[in-house]
Amino acid sequence: MTVIAACDTLVTLCVRAVGFDSGHRRYELIRRLDPYARSAATSRPDLAAAVRSALAARLPELQPHAEDVTAFLAEYYGMED
């Protein structure tokens, strides 16, 4: 699955789980998680831990998709694997 396809899948999950409207889904996910994740965007393990913590606090419906959310934010922050 390409990163774009994974991102689209993640966005669809967000719509179902949290009810984001189609025009602001990606922005809303980033907005909600950025305060928790930005400072951890120095390594993939740190980002993954921050995402898991943020999902537990802000979007528990997405906890089963923590890996996808981490991948989405890693790309957003320009992190390389």
PDB file of N, CA and C in Angstrom:
ATOM      1  N   MET A   1       0.847  -1.166   0.000  1.00  0.00           N
ATOM      2  CA  MET A   1       0.000   0.000   0.000  1.00  0.00           C
ATOM      3  C   MET A   1       0.902   1.241   0.000  1.00  0.00           C
ATOM      4  N   THR A   2       0.606   2.180  -0.851  1.00  0.00           N
ATOM      5  CA  THR A   2       1.399   3.406  -0.892  1.00  0.00           C
ATOM      6  C   THR A   2       1.067   4.274   0.318  1.00  0.00           C
ATOM      7  N   VAL A   3       1.936   5.236   0.585  1.00  0.00           N
ATOM      8  CA  VAL A   3       1.701   6.136   1.712  1.00  0.00           C
ATOM      9  C   VAL A   3       0.417   6.931   1.498  1.00  0.00           C
ATOM     10  N   ILE A   4       0.164   7.337   0.266  1.00  0.00           N
ATOM     11  CA  ILE A   4      -1.063   8.092  -0.039  1.00  0.00           C
ATOM     12  C   ILE A   4      -2.289   7.225   0.242  1.00  0.00           C
ATOM     13  N   ALA A   5      -2.257   5.980  -0.182  1.00  0.00           N
ATOM     14  CA  ALA A   5      -3.398   5.086   0.063  1.00  0.00           C
ATOM     15  C   ALA A   5      -3.583   4.853   1.549  1.00  0.00           C
ATOM     16  N   ALA A   6      -2.480   4.676   2.260  1.00  0.00           N
ATOM     17  CA  ALA A   6      -2.569   4.482   3.714  1.00  0.00           C
ATOM     18  C   ALA A   6      -3.142   5.725   4.379  1.00  0.00           C
ATOM     19  N   CYS A   7      -2.729   6.883   3.914  1.00  0.00           N
ATOM     20  CA  CYS A   7      -3.245   8.138   4.460  1.00  0.00           C
ATOM     21  C   CYS A   7      -4.740   8.258   4.207  1.00  0.00           C
ATOM     22  N   ASP A   8      -5.166   7.927   3.009  1.00  0.00           N
ATOM     23  CA  ASP A   8      -6.591   7.984   2.692  1.00  0.00           C
ATOM     24  C   ASP A   8      -7.386   7.009   3.552  1.00  0.00           C
ATOM     25  N   THR A   9      -6.824   5.833   3.787  1.00  0.00           N
ATOM     26  CA  THR A   9      -7.478   4.859   4.661  1.00  0.00           C
ATOM     27  C   THR A   9      -7.587   5.406   6.073  1.00  0.00           C
ATOM     28  N   LEU A  10      -6.514   6.019   6.552  1.00  0.00           N
ATOM     29  CA  LEU A  10      -6.516   6.606   7.883  1.00  0.00           C
ATOM     30  C   LEU A  10      -7.550   7.714   7.988  1.00  0.00           C
ATOM     31  N   VAL A  11      -7.627   8.538   6.982  1.00  0.00           N
ATOM     32  CA  VAL A  11      -8.615   9.622   6.980  1.00  0.00           C
ATOM     33  C   VAL A  11     -10.020   9.048   7.040  1.00  0.00           C
ATOM     34  N   THR A  12     -10.284   7.988   6.292  1.00  0.00           N
ATOM     35  CA  THR A  12     -11.596   7.345   6.324  1.00  0.00           C
ATOM     36  C   THR A  12     -11.907   6.829   7.721  1.00  0.00           C
ATOM     37  N   LEU A  13     -10.921   6.226   8.368  1.00  0.00           N
ATOM     38  CA  LEU A  13     -11.115   5.742   9.738  1.00  0.00           C
ATOM     39  C   LEU A  13     -11.446   6.896  10.677  1.00  0.00           C
ATOM     40  N   CYS A  14     -10.773   8.021  10.488  1.00  0.00           N
ATOM     41  CA  CYS A  14     -11.042   9.189  11.325  1.00  0.00           C
ATOM     42  C   CYS A  14     -12.467   9.682  11.154  1.00  0.00           C
ATOM     43  N   VAL A  15     -12.929   9.675   9.927  1.00  0.00           N
ATOM     44  CA  VAL A  15     -14.294  10.112   9.660  1.00  0.00           C
ATOM     45  C   VAL A  15     -15.273   9.212  10.391  1.00  0.00           C
ATOM     46  N   ARG A  16     -15.044   7.919  10.301  1.00  0.00           N
ATOM     47  CA  ARG A  16     -15.945   6.975  10.967  1.00  0.00           C
ATOM     48  C   ARG A  16     -15.866   7.078  12.479  1.00  0.00           C
ATOM     49  N   ALA A  17     -14.648   7.182  13.007  1.00  0.00           N
ATOM     50  CA  ALA A  17     -14.463   7.138  14.456  1.00  0.00           C
ATOM     51  C   ALA A  17     -14.817   8.448  15.143  1.00  0.00           C
ATOM     52  N   VAL A  18     -14.462   9.552  14.519  1.00  0.00           N
ATOM     53  CA  VAL A  18     -14.573  10.828  15.210  1.00  0.00           C
ATOM     54  C   VAL A  18     -15.541  11.784  14.522  1.00  0.00           C
ATOM     55  N   GLY A  19     -15.902  11.505  13.304  1.00  0.00           N
ATOM     56  CA  GLY A  19     -16.872  12.334  12.617  1.00  0.00           C
ATOM     57  C   GLY A  19     -16.288  13.572  11.968  1.00  0.00           C
ATOM     58  N   PHE A  20     -15.009  13.562  11.606  1.00  0.00           N
ATOM     59  CA  PHE A  20     -14.442  14.711  10.899  1.00  0.00           C
ATOM     60  C   PHE A  20     -15.155  14.864   9.564  1.00  0.00           C
ATOM     61  N   ASP A  21     -15.406  16.094   9.149  1.00  0.00           N
ATOM     62  CA  ASP A  21     -16.003  16.268   7.836  1.00  0.00           C
ATOM     63  C   ASP A  21     -14.924  16.154   6.764  1.00  0.00           C
ATOM     64  N   SER A  22     -15.348  15.916   5.533  1.00  0.00           N
ATOM     65  CA  SER A  22     -14.411  15.592   4.463  1.00  0.00           C
ATOM     66  C   SER A  22     -13.430  16.710   4.141  1.00  0.00           C
ATOM     67  N   GLY A  23     -13.793  17.944   4.339  1.00  0.00           N
ATOM     68  CA  GLY A  23     -12.920  19.057   3.992  1.00  0.00           C
ATOM     69  C   GLY A  23     -11.788  19.307   4.960  1.00  0.00           C
ATOM     70  N   HIS A  24     -11.903  18.827   6.181  1.00  0.00           N
ATOM     71  CA  HIS A  24     -10.907  19.159   7.200  1.00  0.00           C
ATOM     72  C   HIS A  24     -10.318  17.951   7.922  1.00  0.00           C
ATOM     73  N   ARG A  25     -10.459  16.779   7.376  1.00  0.00           N
ATOM     74  CA  ARG A  25     -10.062  15.557   8.081  1.00  0.00           C
ATOM     75  C   ARG A  25      -8.579  15.512   8.422  1.00  0.00           C
ATOM     76  N   ARG A  26      -7.731  15.672   7.441  1.00  0.00           N
ATOM     77  CA  ARG A  26      -6.285  15.606   7.696  1.00  0.00           C
ATOM     78  C   ARG A  26      -5.854  16.726   8.615  1.00  0.00           C
ATOM     79  N   TYR A  27      -6.322  17.917   8.327  1.00  0.00           N
ATOM     80  CA  TYR A  27      -5.969  19.057   9.172  1.00  0.00           C
ATOM     81  C   TYR A  27      -6.395  18.810  10.612  1.00  0.00           C
ATOM     82  N   GLU A  28      -7.573  18.294  10.801  1.00  0.00           N
ATOM     83  CA  GLU A  28      -8.103  18.087  12.142  1.00  0.00           C
ATOM     84  C   GLU A  28      -7.305  17.030  12.902  1.00  0.00           C
ATOM     85  N   LEU A  29      -6.910  15.972  12.224  1.00  0.00           N
ATOM     86  CA  LEU A  29      -6.084  14.943  12.863  1.00  0.00           C
ATOM     87  C   LEU A  29      -4.748  15.539  13.293  1.00  0.00           C
ATOM     88  N   ILE A  30      -4.117  16.284  12.407  1.00  0.00           N
ATOM     89  CA  ILE A  30      -2.840  16.927  12.737  1.00  0.00           C
ATOM     90  C   ILE A  30      -3.030  17.930  13.867  1.00  0.00           C
ATOM     91  N   ARG A  31      -4.057  18.723  13.794  1.00  0.00           N
ATOM     92  CA  ARG A  31      -4.306  19.741  14.820  1.00  0.00           C
ATOM     93  C   ARG A  31      -4.467  19.115  16.198  1.00  0.00           C
ATOM     94  N   ARG A  32      -5.165  18.007  16.256  1.00  0.00           N
ATOM     95  CA  ARG A  32      -5.406  17.372  17.555  1.00  0.00           C
ATOM     96  C   ARG A  32      -4.177  16.678  18.131  1.00  0.00           C
ATOM     97  N   LEU A  33      -3.333  16.153  17.256  1.00  0.00           N
ATOM     98  CA  LEU A  33      -2.199  15.374  17.741  1.00  0.00           C
ATOM     99  C   LEU A  33      -0.878  16.144  17.765  1.00  0.00           C
ATOM    100  N   ASP A  34      -0.771  17.196  16.999  1.00  0.00           N
ATOM    101  CA  ASP A  34       0.490  17.937  16.890  1.00  0.00           C
ATOM    102  C   ASP A  34       1.056  18.400  18.236  1.00  0.00           C
ATOM    103  N   PRO A  35       0.259  18.937  19.139  1.00  0.00           N
ATOM    104  CA  PRO A  35       0.838  19.380  20.413  1.00  0.00           C
ATOM    105  C   PRO A  35       1.516  18.248  21.196  1.00  0.00           C
ATOM    106  N   TYR A  36       1.080  17.036  20.978  1.00  0.00           N
ATOM    107  CA  TYR A  36       1.646  15.881  21.668  1.00  0.00           C
ATOM    108  C   TYR A  36       2.821  15.279  20.891  1.00  0.00           C
ATOM    109  N   ALA A  37       2.768  15.367  19.580  1.00  0.00           N
ATOM    110  CA  ALA A  37       3.695  14.607  18.749  1.00  0.00           C
ATOM    111  C   ALA A  37       4.868  15.407  18.196  1.00  0.00           C
ATOM    112  N   ARG A  38       4.715  16.688  17.990  1.00  0.00           N
ATOM    113  CA  ARG A  38       5.750  17.470  17.297  1.00  0.00           C
ATOM    114  C   ARG A  38       7.114  17.347  17.960  1.00  0.00           C
ATOM    115  N   SER A  39       7.173  17.478  19.263  1.00  0.00           N
ATOM    116  CA  SER A  39       8.476  17.441  19.934  1.00  0.00           C
ATOM    117  C   SER A  39       9.106  16.054  19.891  1.00  0.00           C
ATOM    118  N   ALA A  40       8.313  15.028  19.616  1.00  0.00           N
ATOM    119  CA  ALA A  40       8.821  13.659  19.549  1.00  0.00           C
ATOM    120  C   ALA A  40       9.200  13.252  18.130  1.00  0.00           C
ATOM    121  N   ALA A  41       9.086  14.169  17.190  1.00  0.00           N
ATOM    122  CA  ALA A  41       9.348  13.837  15.788  1.00  0.00           C
ATOM    123  C   ALA A  41      10.846  13.817  15.476  1.00  0.00           C
ATOM    124  N   THR A  42      11.648  13.376  16.433  1.00  0.00           N
ATOM    125  CA  THR A  42      13.087  13.270  16.237  1.00  0.00           C
ATOM    126  C   THR A  42      13.505  11.838  15.924  1.00  0.00           C
ATOM    127  N   SER A  43      12.683  10.887  16.313  1.00  0.00           N
ATOM    128  CA  SER A  43      12.935   9.485  15.981  1.00  0.00           C
ATOM    129  C   SER A  43      11.600   8.764  15.879  1.00  0.00           C
ATOM    130  N   ARG A  44      11.588   7.710  15.087  1.00  0.00           N
ATOM    131  CA  ARG A  44      10.342   6.968  14.890  1.00  0.00           C
ATOM    132  C   ARG A  44       9.835   6.341  16.201  1.00  0.00           C
ATOM    133  N   PRO A  45      10.706   5.737  17.023  1.00  0.00           N
ATOM    134  CA  PRO A  45      10.209   5.174  18.289  1.00  0.00           C
ATOM    135  C   PRO A  45       9.630   6.245  19.229  1.00  0.00           C
ATOM    136  N   ASP A  46      10.273   7.409  19.283  1.00  0.00           N
ATOM    137  CA  ASP A  46       9.751   8.494  20.127  1.00  0.00           C
ATOM    138  C   ASP A  46       8.405   8.986  19.604  1.00  0.00           C
ATOM    139  N   LEU A  47       8.307   9.115  18.282  1.00  0.00           N
ATOM    140  CA  LEU A  47       7.045   9.552  17.692  1.00  0.00           C
ATOM    141  C   LEU A  47       5.949   8.525  17.956  1.00  0.00           C
ATOM    142  N   ALA A  48       6.263   7.245  17.809  1.00  0.00           N
ATOM    143  CA  ALA A  48       5.270   6.193  18.046  1.00  0.00           C
ATOM    144  C   ALA A  48       4.767   6.231  19.487  1.00  0.00           C
ATOM    145  N   ALA A  49       5.673   6.442  20.437  1.00  0.00           N
ATOM    146  CA  ALA A  49       5.270   6.519  21.841  1.00  0.00           C
ATOM    147  C   ALA A  49       4.391   7.739  22.087  1.00  0.00           C
ATOM    148  N   ALA A  50       4.747   8.864  21.490  1.00  0.00           N
ATOM    149  CA  ALA A  50       3.958  10.085  21.651  1.00  0.00           C
ATOM    150  C   ALA A  50       2.576   9.931  21.021  1.00  0.00           C
ATOM    151  N   VAL A  51       2.514   9.289  19.871  1.00  0.00           N
ATOM    152  CA  VAL A  51       1.229   9.064  19.202  1.00  0.00           C
ATOM    153  C   VAL A  51       0.341   8.169  20.050  1.00  0.00           C
ATOM    154  N   ARG A  52       0.896   7.084  20.588  1.00  0.00           N
ATOM    155  CA  ARG A  52       0.092   6.197  21.436  1.00  0.00           C
ATOM    156  C   ARG A  52      -0.458   6.957  22.642  1.00  0.00           C
ATOM    157  N   SER A  53       0.363   7.782  23.248  1.00  0.00           N
ATOM    158  CA  SER A  53      -0.067   8.576  24.398  1.00  0.00           C
ATOM    159  C   SER A  53      -1.145   9.582  24.001  1.00  0.00           C
ATOM    160  N   ALA A  54      -0.928  10.250  22.874  1.00  0.00           N
ATOM    161  CA  ALA A  54      -1.889  11.249  22.406  1.00  0.00           C
ATOM    162  C   ALA A  54      -3.223  10.610  22.041  1.00  0.00           C
ATOM    163  N   LEU A  55      -3.177   9.466  21.396  1.00  0.00           N
ATOM    164  CA  LEU A  55      -4.427   8.795  21.043  1.00  0.00           C
ATOM    165  C   LEU A  55      -5.189   8.377  22.292  1.00  0.00           C
ATOM    166  N   ALA A  56      -4.474   7.908  23.288  1.00  0.00           N
ATOM    167  CA  ALA A  56      -5.135   7.512  24.539  1.00  0.00           C
ATOM    168  C   ALA A  56      -5.827   8.714  25.182  1.00  0.00           C
ATOM    169  N   ALA A  57      -5.192   9.877  25.097  1.00  0.00           N
ATOM    170  CA  ALA A  57      -5.734  11.078  25.731  1.00  0.00           C
ATOM    171  C   ALA A  57      -6.793  11.778  24.892  1.00  0.00           C
ATOM    172  N   ARG A  58      -6.605  11.821  23.574  1.00  0.00           N
ATOM    173  CA  ARG A  58      -7.450  12.666  22.724  1.00  0.00           C
ATOM    174  C   ARG A  58      -8.390  11.918  21.786  1.00  0.00           C
ATOM    175  N   LEU A  59      -7.930  10.788  21.263  1.00  0.00           N
ATOM    176  CA  LEU A  59      -8.716  10.076  20.251  1.00  0.00           C
ATOM    177  C   LEU A  59      -8.657   8.571  20.507  1.00  0.00           C
ATOM    178  N   PRO A  60      -9.219   8.113  21.607  1.00  0.00           N
ATOM    179  CA  PRO A  60      -9.099   6.693  21.939  1.00  0.00           C
ATOM    180  C   PRO A  60      -9.700   5.759  20.887  1.00  0.00           C
ATOM    181  N   GLU A  61     -10.607   6.256  20.086  1.00  0.00           N
ATOM    182  CA  GLU A  61     -11.213   5.435  19.039  1.00  0.00           C
ATOM    183  C   GLU A  61     -10.186   5.002  17.995  1.00  0.00           C
ATOM    184  N   LEU A  62      -9.087   5.763  17.889  1.00  0.00           N
ATOM    185  CA  LEU A  62      -8.072   5.468  16.881  1.00  0.00           C
ATOM    186  C   LEU A  62      -6.896   4.663  17.423  1.00  0.00           C
ATOM    187  N   GLN A  63      -6.928   4.284  18.688  1.00  0.00           N
ATOM    188  CA  GLN A  63      -5.816   3.527  19.268  1.00  0.00           C
ATOM    189  C   GLN A  63      -5.471   2.258  18.491  1.00  0.00           C
ATOM    190  N   PRO A  64      -6.448   1.524  17.961  1.00  0.00           N
ATOM    191  CA  PRO A  64      -6.083   0.339  17.179  1.00  0.00           C
ATOM    192  C   PRO A  64      -5.307   0.676  15.900  1.00  0.00           C
ATOM    193  N   HIS A  65      -5.283   1.943  15.516  1.00  0.00           N
ATOM    194  CA  HIS A  65      -4.643   2.374  14.272  1.00  0.00           C
ATOM    195  C   HIS A  65      -3.408   3.227  14.545  1.00  0.00           C
ATOM    196  N   ALA A  66      -2.800   3.035  15.700  1.00  0.00           N
ATOM    197  CA  ALA A  66      -1.651   3.855  16.108  1.00  0.00           C
ATOM    198  C   ALA A  66      -0.506   3.782  15.102  1.00  0.00           C
ATOM    199  N   GLU A  67      -0.257   2.621  14.528  1.00  0.00           N
ATOM    200  CA  GLU A  67       0.827   2.500  13.540  1.00  0.00           C
ATOM    201  C   GLU A  67       0.549   3.353  12.315  1.00  0.00           C
ATOM    202  N   ASP A  68      -0.684   3.346  11.834  1.00  0.00           N
ATOM    203  CA  ASP A  68      -1.046   4.152  10.666  1.00  0.00           C
ATOM    204  C   ASP A  68      -0.960   5.634  10.985  1.00  0.00           C
ATOM    205  N   VAL A  69      -1.412   6.019  12.159  1.00  0.00           N
ATOM    206  CA  VAL A  69      -1.337   7.422  12.567  1.00  0.00           C
ATOM    207  C   VAL A  69       0.122   7.848  12.671  1.00  0.00           C
ATOM    208  N   THR A  70       0.963   7.000  13.232  1.00  0.00           N
ATOM    209  CA  THR A  70       2.389   7.307  13.342  1.00  0.00           C
ATOM    210  C   THR A  70       3.005   7.487  11.958  1.00  0.00           C
ATOM    211  N   ALA A  71       2.688   6.602  11.034  1.00  0.00           N
ATOM    212  CA  ALA A  71       3.212   6.717   9.669  1.00  0.00           C
ATOM    213  C   ALA A  71       2.754   8.008   9.008  1.00  0.00           C
ATOM    214  N   PHE A  72       1.494   8.353   9.198  1.00  0.00           N
ATOM    215  CA  PHE A  72       0.949   9.591   8.635  1.00  0.00           C
ATOM    216  C   PHE A  72       1.688  10.808   9.188  1.00  0.00           C
ATOM    217  N   LEU A  73       1.872  10.861  10.503  1.00  0.00           N
ATOM    218  CA  LEU A  73       2.560  11.996  11.107  1.00  0.00           C
ATOM    219  C   LEU A  73       4.038  12.012  10.766  1.00  0.00           C
ATOM    220  N   ALA A  74       4.664  10.860  10.651  1.00  0.00           N
ATOM    221  CA  ALA A  74       6.079  10.814  10.249  1.00  0.00           C
ATOM    222  C   ALA A  74       6.245  11.438   8.869  1.00  0.00           C
ATOM    223  N   GLU A  75       5.336  11.115   7.981  1.00  0.00           N
ATOM    224  CA  GLU A  75       5.406  11.731   6.652  1.00  0.00           C
ATOM    225  C   GLU A  75       5.133  13.236   6.740  1.00  0.00           C
ATOM    226  N   TYR A  76       4.155  13.620   7.516  1.00  0.00           N
ATOM    227  CA  TYR A  76       3.826  15.039   7.688  1.00  0.00           C
ATOM    228  C   TYR A  76       5.043  15.819   8.214  1.00  0.00           C
ATOM    229  N   TYR A  77       5.761  15.242   9.160  1.00  0.00           N
ATOM    230  CA  TYR A  77       6.934  15.907   9.735  1.00  0.00           C
ATOM    231  C   TYR A  77       8.187  15.736   8.891  1.00  0.00           C
ATOM    232  N   GLY A  78       8.090  15.004   7.802  1.00  0.00           N
ATOM    233  CA  GLY A  78       9.234  14.841   6.899  1.00  0.00           C
ATOM    234  C   GLY A  78      10.293  13.882   7.411  1.00  0.00           C
ATOM    235  N   MET A  79       9.863  12.955   8.249  1.00  0.00           N
ATOM    236  CA  MET A  79      10.807  11.973   8.783  1.00  0.00           C
ATOM    237  C   MET A  79      11.043  10.873   7.769  1.00  0.00           C
ATOM    238  N   GLU A  80      12.273  10.389   7.717  1.00  0.00           N
ATOM    239  CA  GLU A  80      12.590   9.270   6.850  1.00  0.00           C
ATOM    240  C   GLU A  80      12.638   7.999   7.670  1.00  0.00           C
ATOM    241  N   ASP A  81      12.306   6.888   7.035  1.00  0.00           N
ATOM    242  CA  ASP A  81      12.354   5.592   7.736  1.00  0.00           C
ATOM    243  C   ASP A  81      13.778   5.162   7.972  1.00  0.00           C
TER     244      ASP A  81
END
